[in-house]
N, C-alpha and C. Protein backbone atom coordinates (compact mmCIF):
# COMPACT_ATOMS: atom_id res chain seq x y z
N THR A 1 -0.62 -22.50 0.38
CA THR A 1 0.23 -21.70 1.25
C THR A 1 1.32 -21.00 0.45
N VAL A 2 1.92 -19.98 1.05
CA VAL A 2 3.02 -19.25 0.42
C VAL A 2 4.30 -20.03 0.66
N VAL A 3 5.00 -20.36 -0.43
CA VAL A 3 6.21 -21.17 -0.32
C VAL A 3 7.38 -20.45 -0.97
N PRO A 4 8.34 -19.97 -0.14
CA PRO A 4 9.53 -19.33 -0.71
C PRO A 4 10.44 -20.37 -1.35
N LYS A 5 11.15 -19.98 -2.40
CA LYS A 5 12.18 -20.84 -2.96
C LYS A 5 13.28 -20.97 -1.91
N THR A 6 13.92 -22.11 -1.85
CA THR A 6 14.94 -22.32 -0.83
C THR A 6 16.10 -21.34 -0.99
N THR A 7 16.34 -20.86 -2.21
CA THR A 7 17.43 -19.91 -2.42
C THR A 7 17.10 -18.51 -1.91
N SER A 8 15.84 -18.21 -1.64
CA SER A 8 15.45 -16.86 -1.24
C SER A 8 15.79 -16.53 0.20
N LYS A 9 15.81 -17.51 1.08
CA LYS A 9 16.05 -17.34 2.52
C LYS A 9 14.92 -16.58 3.21
N TYR A 10 13.77 -16.39 2.52
CA TYR A 10 12.62 -15.81 3.19
C TYR A 10 12.18 -16.77 4.29
N THR A 11 11.58 -16.22 5.34
CA THR A 11 11.11 -17.02 6.45
C THR A 11 9.60 -16.85 6.58
N VAL A 12 8.88 -17.96 6.65
CA VAL A 12 7.43 -17.93 6.83
C VAL A 12 7.10 -18.42 8.24
N SER A 13 6.34 -17.60 8.96
CA SER A 13 5.84 -18.00 10.26
C SER A 13 4.32 -18.10 10.16
N THR A 14 3.82 -19.34 10.16
CA THR A 14 2.37 -19.51 10.06
C THR A 14 1.68 -19.19 11.38
N THR A 15 2.42 -19.23 12.49
CA THR A 15 1.82 -18.86 13.77
C THR A 15 1.57 -17.36 13.84
N ASP A 16 2.51 -16.55 13.33
CA ASP A 16 2.36 -15.10 13.35
C ASP A 16 1.79 -14.55 12.04
N ASN A 17 1.63 -15.43 11.04
CA ASN A 17 1.18 -15.01 9.70
C ASN A 17 2.07 -13.93 9.12
N VAL A 18 3.39 -14.20 9.13
CA VAL A 18 4.38 -13.23 8.68
C VAL A 18 5.36 -13.90 7.72
N LEU A 19 5.72 -13.17 6.67
CA LEU A 19 6.82 -13.56 5.79
C LEU A 19 7.90 -12.53 6.04
N SER A 20 9.05 -12.99 6.56
CA SER A 20 10.11 -12.06 6.93
C SER A 20 11.42 -12.46 6.27
N ASN A 21 12.46 -11.74 6.64
CA ASN A 21 13.80 -11.91 6.10
C ASN A 21 13.83 -11.59 4.60
N VAL A 22 12.92 -10.72 4.18
CA VAL A 22 12.91 -10.25 2.79
C VAL A 22 13.95 -9.15 2.69
N LYS A 23 14.89 -9.32 1.79
CA LYS A 23 15.99 -8.35 1.65
C LYS A 23 16.00 -7.78 0.25
N THR A 24 16.38 -6.54 0.18
CA THR A 24 16.57 -5.90 -1.11
C THR A 24 18.05 -5.96 -1.47
N THR A 25 18.34 -6.24 -2.71
CA THR A 25 19.75 -6.24 -3.15
C THR A 25 20.08 -4.92 -3.82
N ASP A 26 19.08 -4.06 -3.89
CA ASP A 26 19.24 -2.75 -4.54
C ASP A 26 18.74 -1.71 -3.55
N ARG A 27 19.48 -0.65 -3.35
CA ARG A 27 19.07 0.38 -2.40
C ARG A 27 17.78 1.10 -2.80
N ASP A 28 17.32 0.83 -4.01
CA ASP A 28 16.04 1.40 -4.45
C ASP A 28 14.88 0.45 -4.20
N GLY A 29 15.10 -0.59 -3.40
CA GLY A 29 14.03 -1.50 -3.00
C GLY A 29 13.95 -2.73 -3.88
N ILE A 30 13.15 -3.69 -3.42
CA ILE A 30 12.90 -4.91 -4.18
C ILE A 30 11.55 -4.75 -4.87
N THR A 31 11.52 -5.03 -6.15
CA THR A 31 10.25 -4.88 -6.88
C THR A 31 9.32 -6.04 -6.53
N VAL A 32 8.04 -5.80 -6.73
CA VAL A 32 7.05 -6.85 -6.51
C VAL A 32 7.37 -8.05 -7.39
N ALA A 33 7.76 -7.80 -8.65
CA ALA A 33 8.09 -8.89 -9.57
C ALA A 33 9.28 -9.71 -9.08
N ASP A 34 10.34 -9.05 -8.60
CA ASP A 34 11.50 -9.77 -8.09
C ASP A 34 11.15 -10.58 -6.84
N PHE A 35 10.31 -10.00 -5.99
CA PHE A 35 9.85 -10.71 -4.80
C PHE A 35 9.09 -11.97 -5.19
N LEU A 36 8.14 -11.83 -6.11
CA LEU A 36 7.34 -12.98 -6.53
C LEU A 36 8.18 -14.05 -7.21
N ALA A 37 9.25 -13.63 -7.89
CA ALA A 37 10.14 -14.57 -8.56
C ALA A 37 10.87 -15.47 -7.57
N ASN A 38 10.91 -15.05 -6.30
CA ASN A 38 11.57 -15.84 -5.26
C ASN A 38 10.60 -16.75 -4.50
N LEU A 39 9.40 -16.91 -5.05
CA LEU A 39 8.41 -17.80 -4.45
C LEU A 39 8.10 -18.93 -5.43
N ASP A 40 7.94 -20.13 -4.90
CA ASP A 40 7.46 -21.22 -5.74
C ASP A 40 5.99 -20.96 -6.05
N ALA A 41 5.57 -21.39 -7.23
CA ALA A 41 4.16 -21.20 -7.62
C ALA A 41 3.26 -21.94 -6.63
N PRO A 42 2.12 -21.34 -6.27
CA PRO A 42 1.21 -22.04 -5.36
C PRO A 42 0.61 -23.27 -6.05
N GLU A 43 0.22 -24.27 -5.23
CA GLU A 43 -0.37 -25.49 -5.80
C GLU A 43 -1.62 -25.16 -6.61
N THR A 44 -2.43 -24.26 -6.10
CA THR A 44 -3.61 -23.78 -6.84
C THR A 44 -3.68 -22.28 -6.66
N GLY A 45 -4.26 -21.60 -7.61
CA GLY A 45 -4.45 -20.16 -7.49
C GLY A 45 -3.21 -19.36 -7.88
N THR A 46 -3.23 -18.09 -7.50
CA THR A 46 -2.13 -17.19 -7.81
C THR A 46 -1.81 -16.36 -6.57
N TYR A 47 -0.60 -15.80 -6.56
CA TYR A 47 -0.22 -14.90 -5.48
C TYR A 47 -0.76 -13.50 -5.77
N VAL A 48 -1.21 -12.85 -4.71
CA VAL A 48 -1.66 -11.46 -4.81
C VAL A 48 -0.94 -10.68 -3.72
N VAL A 49 -0.26 -9.59 -4.11
CA VAL A 49 0.39 -8.70 -3.15
C VAL A 49 -0.53 -7.49 -2.98
N ARG A 50 -0.72 -7.08 -1.74
CA ARG A 50 -1.56 -5.91 -1.44
C ARG A 50 -0.75 -4.93 -0.60
N ASP A 51 -1.01 -3.64 -0.81
CA ASP A 51 -0.34 -2.63 0.02
C ASP A 51 -1.04 -2.56 1.38
N LYS A 52 -0.54 -1.71 2.25
CA LYS A 52 -1.09 -1.65 3.61
C LYS A 52 -2.53 -1.16 3.66
N ASN A 53 -3.03 -0.60 2.54
CA ASN A 53 -4.43 -0.18 2.47
C ASN A 53 -5.32 -1.25 1.84
N GLY A 54 -4.72 -2.40 1.48
CA GLY A 54 -5.49 -3.50 0.90
C GLY A 54 -5.62 -3.47 -0.60
N GLU A 55 -5.00 -2.46 -1.25
CA GLU A 55 -5.07 -2.36 -2.71
C GLU A 55 -4.10 -3.34 -3.36
N VAL A 56 -4.53 -3.99 -4.44
CA VAL A 56 -3.67 -4.92 -5.16
C VAL A 56 -2.47 -4.17 -5.72
N LYS A 57 -1.31 -4.77 -5.58
CA LYS A 57 -0.05 -4.15 -5.98
C LYS A 57 0.62 -5.08 -7.00
N THR A 58 0.62 -4.69 -8.26
CA THR A 58 1.19 -5.56 -9.30
C THR A 58 2.59 -5.12 -9.72
N ASP A 59 2.96 -3.90 -9.39
CA ASP A 59 4.31 -3.43 -9.71
C ASP A 59 4.75 -2.47 -8.62
N GLY A 60 5.89 -1.87 -8.82
CA GLY A 60 6.42 -0.96 -7.80
C GLY A 60 7.28 -1.70 -6.80
N ILE A 61 7.52 -1.06 -5.68
CA ILE A 61 8.43 -1.57 -4.66
C ILE A 61 7.65 -2.26 -3.55
N LEU A 62 8.16 -3.40 -3.11
CA LEU A 62 7.59 -4.12 -1.98
C LEU A 62 7.95 -3.38 -0.70
N CYS A 63 7.00 -3.25 0.22
CA CYS A 63 7.21 -2.49 1.45
C CYS A 63 6.86 -3.32 2.68
N THR A 64 7.52 -3.02 3.78
CA THR A 64 7.09 -3.58 5.06
C THR A 64 5.66 -3.13 5.29
N GLY A 65 4.81 -4.07 5.67
CA GLY A 65 3.40 -3.78 5.88
C GLY A 65 2.53 -4.23 4.72
N ASP A 66 3.14 -4.51 3.55
CA ASP A 66 2.39 -5.12 2.45
C ASP A 66 2.02 -6.54 2.88
N THR A 67 1.09 -7.15 2.17
CA THR A 67 0.71 -8.53 2.45
C THR A 67 0.77 -9.34 1.16
N ILE A 68 0.90 -10.65 1.34
CA ILE A 68 0.80 -11.57 0.22
C ILE A 68 -0.22 -12.63 0.59
N GLU A 69 -0.98 -13.04 -0.40
CA GLU A 69 -1.98 -14.07 -0.17
C GLU A 69 -2.07 -14.95 -1.41
N VAL A 70 -2.61 -16.13 -1.23
CA VAL A 70 -2.92 -17.01 -2.35
C VAL A 70 -4.39 -16.79 -2.65
N SER A 71 -4.68 -16.41 -3.89
CA SER A 71 -6.05 -16.17 -4.32
C SER A 71 -6.48 -17.30 -5.25
N VAL A 72 -7.61 -17.92 -4.91
CA VAL A 72 -8.11 -19.06 -5.68
C VAL A 72 -9.50 -18.73 -6.20
N GLU A 73 -9.73 -19.00 -7.48
CA GLU A 73 -11.06 -18.81 -8.06
C GLU A 73 -11.92 -20.00 -7.65
N VAL A 74 -12.90 -19.76 -6.77
CA VAL A 74 -13.74 -20.84 -6.25
C VAL A 74 -14.93 -21.12 -7.17
N GLU A 75 -15.32 -20.13 -7.93
CA GLU A 75 -16.29 -20.30 -9.02
C GLU A 75 -16.04 -19.17 -9.99
N THR A 76 -16.59 -19.24 -11.16
CA THR A 76 -16.29 -18.27 -12.20
C THR A 76 -16.44 -16.84 -11.69
N GLY A 77 -15.31 -16.11 -11.69
CA GLY A 77 -15.30 -14.71 -11.28
C GLY A 77 -15.32 -14.47 -9.79
N VAL A 78 -15.35 -15.53 -8.98
CA VAL A 78 -15.38 -15.38 -7.53
C VAL A 78 -14.08 -15.93 -6.96
N PHE A 79 -13.32 -15.04 -6.29
CA PHE A 79 -12.02 -15.41 -5.75
C PHE A 79 -12.05 -15.42 -4.23
N GLN A 80 -11.31 -16.34 -3.66
CA GLN A 80 -11.19 -16.41 -2.22
C GLN A 80 -9.70 -16.41 -1.88
N SER A 81 -9.36 -15.69 -0.82
CA SER A 81 -7.95 -15.59 -0.42
C SER A 81 -7.65 -16.56 0.71
N PHE A 82 -6.46 -17.16 0.62
CA PHE A 82 -5.98 -18.07 1.64
C PHE A 82 -4.56 -17.67 2.00
N SER A 83 -4.08 -18.11 3.12
CA SER A 83 -2.67 -17.98 3.51
C SER A 83 -2.16 -16.54 3.44
N LYS A 84 -2.91 -15.61 3.99
CA LYS A 84 -2.47 -14.22 3.98
C LYS A 84 -1.34 -14.02 4.98
N LEU A 85 -0.24 -13.43 4.50
CA LEU A 85 0.92 -13.16 5.34
C LEU A 85 1.31 -11.69 5.25
N ASP A 86 1.66 -11.09 6.39
CA ASP A 86 2.22 -9.74 6.41
C ASP A 86 3.70 -9.85 6.03
N ILE A 87 4.23 -8.84 5.35
CA ILE A 87 5.60 -8.87 4.84
C ILE A 87 6.49 -7.90 5.61
N ALA A 88 7.68 -8.39 5.99
CA ALA A 88 8.70 -7.55 6.64
C ALA A 88 9.92 -7.49 5.73
N VAL A 89 10.21 -6.30 5.19
CA VAL A 89 11.41 -6.09 4.39
C VAL A 89 12.49 -5.61 5.35
N MET A 90 13.56 -6.38 5.46
CA MET A 90 14.61 -6.08 6.44
C MET A 90 15.17 -4.67 6.25
N GLY A 91 15.12 -3.87 7.32
CA GLY A 91 15.66 -2.51 7.30
C GLY A 91 14.65 -1.45 6.90
N ASP A 92 13.53 -1.84 6.31
CA ASP A 92 12.49 -0.89 5.90
C ASP A 92 11.50 -0.73 7.04
N VAL A 93 11.80 0.18 7.96
CA VAL A 93 10.99 0.31 9.16
C VAL A 93 9.83 1.28 8.98
N ASN A 94 9.98 2.24 8.07
CA ASN A 94 8.90 3.20 7.88
C ASN A 94 7.91 2.76 6.81
N GLY A 95 8.14 1.61 6.19
CA GLY A 95 7.17 1.03 5.26
C GLY A 95 7.15 1.65 3.89
N ASP A 96 8.24 2.34 3.47
CA ASP A 96 8.25 2.92 2.13
C ASP A 96 8.99 2.05 1.11
N GLY A 97 9.52 0.91 1.58
CA GLY A 97 10.21 -0.02 0.68
C GLY A 97 11.68 0.27 0.47
N LEU A 98 12.15 1.38 0.99
CA LEU A 98 13.55 1.77 0.83
C LEU A 98 14.26 1.67 2.16
N ILE A 99 15.57 1.44 2.11
CA ILE A 99 16.36 1.38 3.34
C ILE A 99 17.25 2.61 3.34
N ARG A 100 16.88 3.55 4.20
CA ARG A 100 17.52 4.86 4.21
C ARG A 100 17.90 5.26 5.63
N ALA A 101 18.57 6.40 5.75
CA ALA A 101 18.98 6.93 7.05
C ALA A 101 17.76 7.18 7.95
N ALA A 102 16.63 7.52 7.36
CA ALA A 102 15.42 7.75 8.15
C ALA A 102 15.02 6.48 8.91
N ASP A 103 15.19 5.32 8.28
CA ASP A 103 14.90 4.05 8.95
C ASP A 103 15.87 3.84 10.11
N ALA A 104 17.15 4.14 9.88
CA ALA A 104 18.16 3.99 10.92
C ALA A 104 17.82 4.87 12.13
N LYS A 105 17.39 6.11 11.88
CA LYS A 105 17.03 7.01 12.98
C LYS A 105 15.85 6.46 13.77
N MET A 106 14.86 5.94 13.06
CA MET A 106 13.70 5.36 13.75
C MET A 106 14.12 4.18 14.63
N VAL A 107 15.04 3.35 14.12
CA VAL A 107 15.51 2.19 14.88
C VAL A 107 16.34 2.64 16.08
N LEU A 108 17.18 3.66 15.90
CA LEU A 108 17.97 4.17 17.02
C LEU A 108 17.06 4.72 18.12
N ASP A 109 16.02 5.46 17.71
CA ASP A 109 15.05 5.97 18.69
C ASP A 109 14.36 4.82 19.42
N GLU A 110 14.01 3.78 18.66
CA GLU A 110 13.33 2.61 19.26
C GLU A 110 14.27 1.87 20.22
N ALA A 111 15.55 1.78 19.86
CA ALA A 111 16.52 1.09 20.72
C ALA A 111 16.62 1.76 22.09
N ALA A 112 16.46 3.07 22.14
CA ALA A 112 16.56 3.81 23.39
C ALA A 112 15.23 3.84 24.16
N ARG A 113 14.15 3.46 23.50
CA ARG A 113 12.81 3.58 24.09
C ARG A 113 12.50 2.40 25.01
N LYS A 114 11.92 2.71 26.16
CA LYS A 114 11.43 1.69 27.09
C LYS A 114 10.01 2.09 27.47
N PRO A 115 9.01 1.30 27.31
CA PRO A 115 9.03 0.03 26.60
C PRO A 115 9.07 0.26 25.09
N LYS A 116 9.42 -0.79 24.38
CA LYS A 116 9.49 -0.73 22.91
C LYS A 116 8.10 -0.52 22.34
N THR A 117 8.03 0.20 21.22
CA THR A 117 6.73 0.47 20.60
C THR A 117 6.57 -0.21 19.23
N PHE A 118 7.67 -0.63 18.61
CA PHE A 118 7.56 -1.33 17.33
C PHE A 118 6.92 -2.69 17.58
N THR A 119 6.00 -3.07 16.72
CA THR A 119 5.35 -4.38 16.85
C THR A 119 5.28 -5.05 15.49
N GLY A 120 4.98 -6.33 15.50
CA GLY A 120 4.73 -7.08 14.28
C GLY A 120 5.86 -6.99 13.27
N VAL A 121 5.47 -6.78 12.00
CA VAL A 121 6.46 -6.77 10.92
C VAL A 121 7.44 -5.60 11.04
N TYR A 122 7.04 -4.52 11.68
CA TYR A 122 7.94 -3.38 11.82
C TYR A 122 9.07 -3.70 12.81
N ALA A 123 8.75 -4.45 13.86
CA ALA A 123 9.79 -4.89 14.79
C ALA A 123 10.72 -5.89 14.10
N LEU A 124 10.16 -6.78 13.30
CA LEU A 124 10.99 -7.74 12.55
C LEU A 124 11.90 -7.02 11.56
N ALA A 125 11.37 -6.02 10.86
CA ALA A 125 12.16 -5.27 9.87
C ALA A 125 13.29 -4.49 10.54
N ALA A 126 13.08 -4.07 11.77
CA ALA A 126 14.09 -3.28 12.49
C ALA A 126 15.21 -4.14 13.05
N ASN A 127 14.93 -5.39 13.34
CA ASN A 127 15.90 -6.28 13.98
C ASN A 127 16.81 -6.94 12.94
N VAL A 128 17.62 -6.14 12.28
CA VAL A 128 18.43 -6.64 11.16
C VAL A 128 19.64 -7.45 11.58
N ASP A 129 20.05 -7.35 12.84
CA ASP A 129 21.20 -8.16 13.26
C ASP A 129 20.77 -9.55 13.73
N GLY A 130 19.46 -9.78 13.80
CA GLY A 130 18.95 -11.11 14.14
C GLY A 130 19.04 -11.49 15.59
N ARG A 131 19.39 -10.54 16.45
CA ARG A 131 19.46 -10.84 17.88
C ARG A 131 18.07 -10.70 18.49
N THR A 132 18.00 -10.84 19.78
CA THR A 132 16.70 -10.92 20.45
C THR A 132 15.94 -9.61 20.57
N ASP A 133 16.60 -8.48 20.45
CA ASP A 133 15.94 -7.20 20.69
C ASP A 133 16.46 -6.17 19.70
N ILE A 134 15.75 -5.08 19.56
CA ILE A 134 16.19 -3.99 18.70
C ILE A 134 17.21 -3.16 19.47
N LYS A 135 18.38 -3.01 18.87
CA LYS A 135 19.48 -2.31 19.53
C LYS A 135 20.08 -1.26 18.59
N ALA A 136 20.97 -0.45 19.13
CA ALA A 136 21.66 0.56 18.32
C ALA A 136 22.46 -0.10 17.19
N SER A 137 22.91 -1.33 17.41
CA SER A 137 23.65 -2.04 16.35
C SER A 137 22.79 -2.26 15.12
N ASP A 138 21.48 -2.43 15.29
CA ASP A 138 20.57 -2.55 14.15
C ASP A 138 20.54 -1.24 13.36
N ALA A 139 20.46 -0.12 14.07
CA ALA A 139 20.46 1.19 13.41
C ALA A 139 21.76 1.41 12.64
N LYS A 140 22.88 0.99 13.21
CA LYS A 140 24.17 1.15 12.53
C LYS A 140 24.22 0.33 11.24
N ILE A 141 23.72 -0.89 11.29
CA ILE A 141 23.71 -1.73 10.09
C ILE A 141 22.86 -1.08 9.00
N ILE A 142 21.69 -0.58 9.38
CA ILE A 142 20.80 0.07 8.40
C ILE A 142 21.47 1.32 7.83
N LEU A 143 22.08 2.12 8.69
CA LEU A 143 22.77 3.33 8.23
C LEU A 143 23.93 2.98 7.30
N ASP A 144 24.72 1.99 7.69
CA ASP A 144 25.85 1.56 6.85
C ASP A 144 25.36 1.05 5.50
N TYR A 145 24.26 0.31 5.49
CA TYR A 145 23.71 -0.19 4.23
C TYR A 145 23.24 0.99 3.36
N SER A 146 22.54 1.93 3.98
CA SER A 146 22.01 3.07 3.20
C SER A 146 23.14 3.94 2.65
N ALA A 147 24.29 3.96 3.35
CA ALA A 147 25.45 4.74 2.90
C ALA A 147 26.38 3.93 1.99
N LYS A 148 25.97 2.71 1.65
CA LYS A 148 26.72 1.82 0.76
C LYS A 148 28.05 1.36 1.35
N VAL A 149 28.11 1.30 2.69
CA VAL A 149 29.31 0.81 3.37
C VAL A 149 29.29 -0.72 3.41
N ILE A 150 28.08 -1.30 3.50
CA ILE A 150 27.92 -2.76 3.54
C ILE A 150 26.87 -3.19 2.51
N THR A 151 26.79 -4.50 2.29
CA THR A 151 25.78 -5.07 1.40
C THR A 151 24.75 -5.82 2.22
N THR A 152 23.72 -6.34 1.56
CA THR A 152 22.69 -7.07 2.29
C THR A 152 23.22 -8.33 2.93
N SER A 153 24.37 -8.83 2.51
CA SER A 153 24.91 -10.03 3.15
C SER A 153 25.23 -9.78 4.62
N MET A 154 25.35 -8.51 5.02
CA MET A 154 25.61 -8.17 6.41
C MET A 154 24.35 -8.16 7.25
N ILE A 155 23.19 -8.25 6.60
CA ILE A 155 21.92 -8.26 7.32
C ILE A 155 21.59 -9.72 7.66
N ALA A 156 21.07 -9.93 8.86
CA ALA A 156 20.87 -11.28 9.40
C ALA A 156 20.18 -12.22 8.42
N ASN A 157 20.58 -13.45 8.46
CA ASN A 157 19.94 -14.52 7.69
C ASN A 157 19.20 -15.45 8.62
N ASN A 158 18.51 -14.89 9.59
CA ASN A 158 17.83 -15.74 10.56
C ASN A 158 16.46 -16.13 10.08
């Protein structure tokens, strides 16, 4: 299974198959390497990060909609994946790995929308204040972060 280091504050939901509360400390996103450094090594196998199209991602920026899995070699040259989790990067609602004003606008639009249309990891990424629903306050936090008014410590640690 995927096991975050206790210092990372990542949250794993095995019922929803989601790894959330992933935060970037740099407005240019969290790299795949930095993300993996916040995970304990799997008991067997290796971690594999894939983009939303299923392609293996060894470098670059981690994005909402990427997945992580434990890949185990079951016989020579044959790998099997276990514990696949979808990833939610807090504030990255459009899935580009960056937290920008465009994300804030999307969240503000969603806050006004009835019924809500964000689902899965995108809804988790939008709910940065950690409350029960996506609200205008989430958009403000994302906008303030993108404008360097606040740091990631202001984003929920739920």
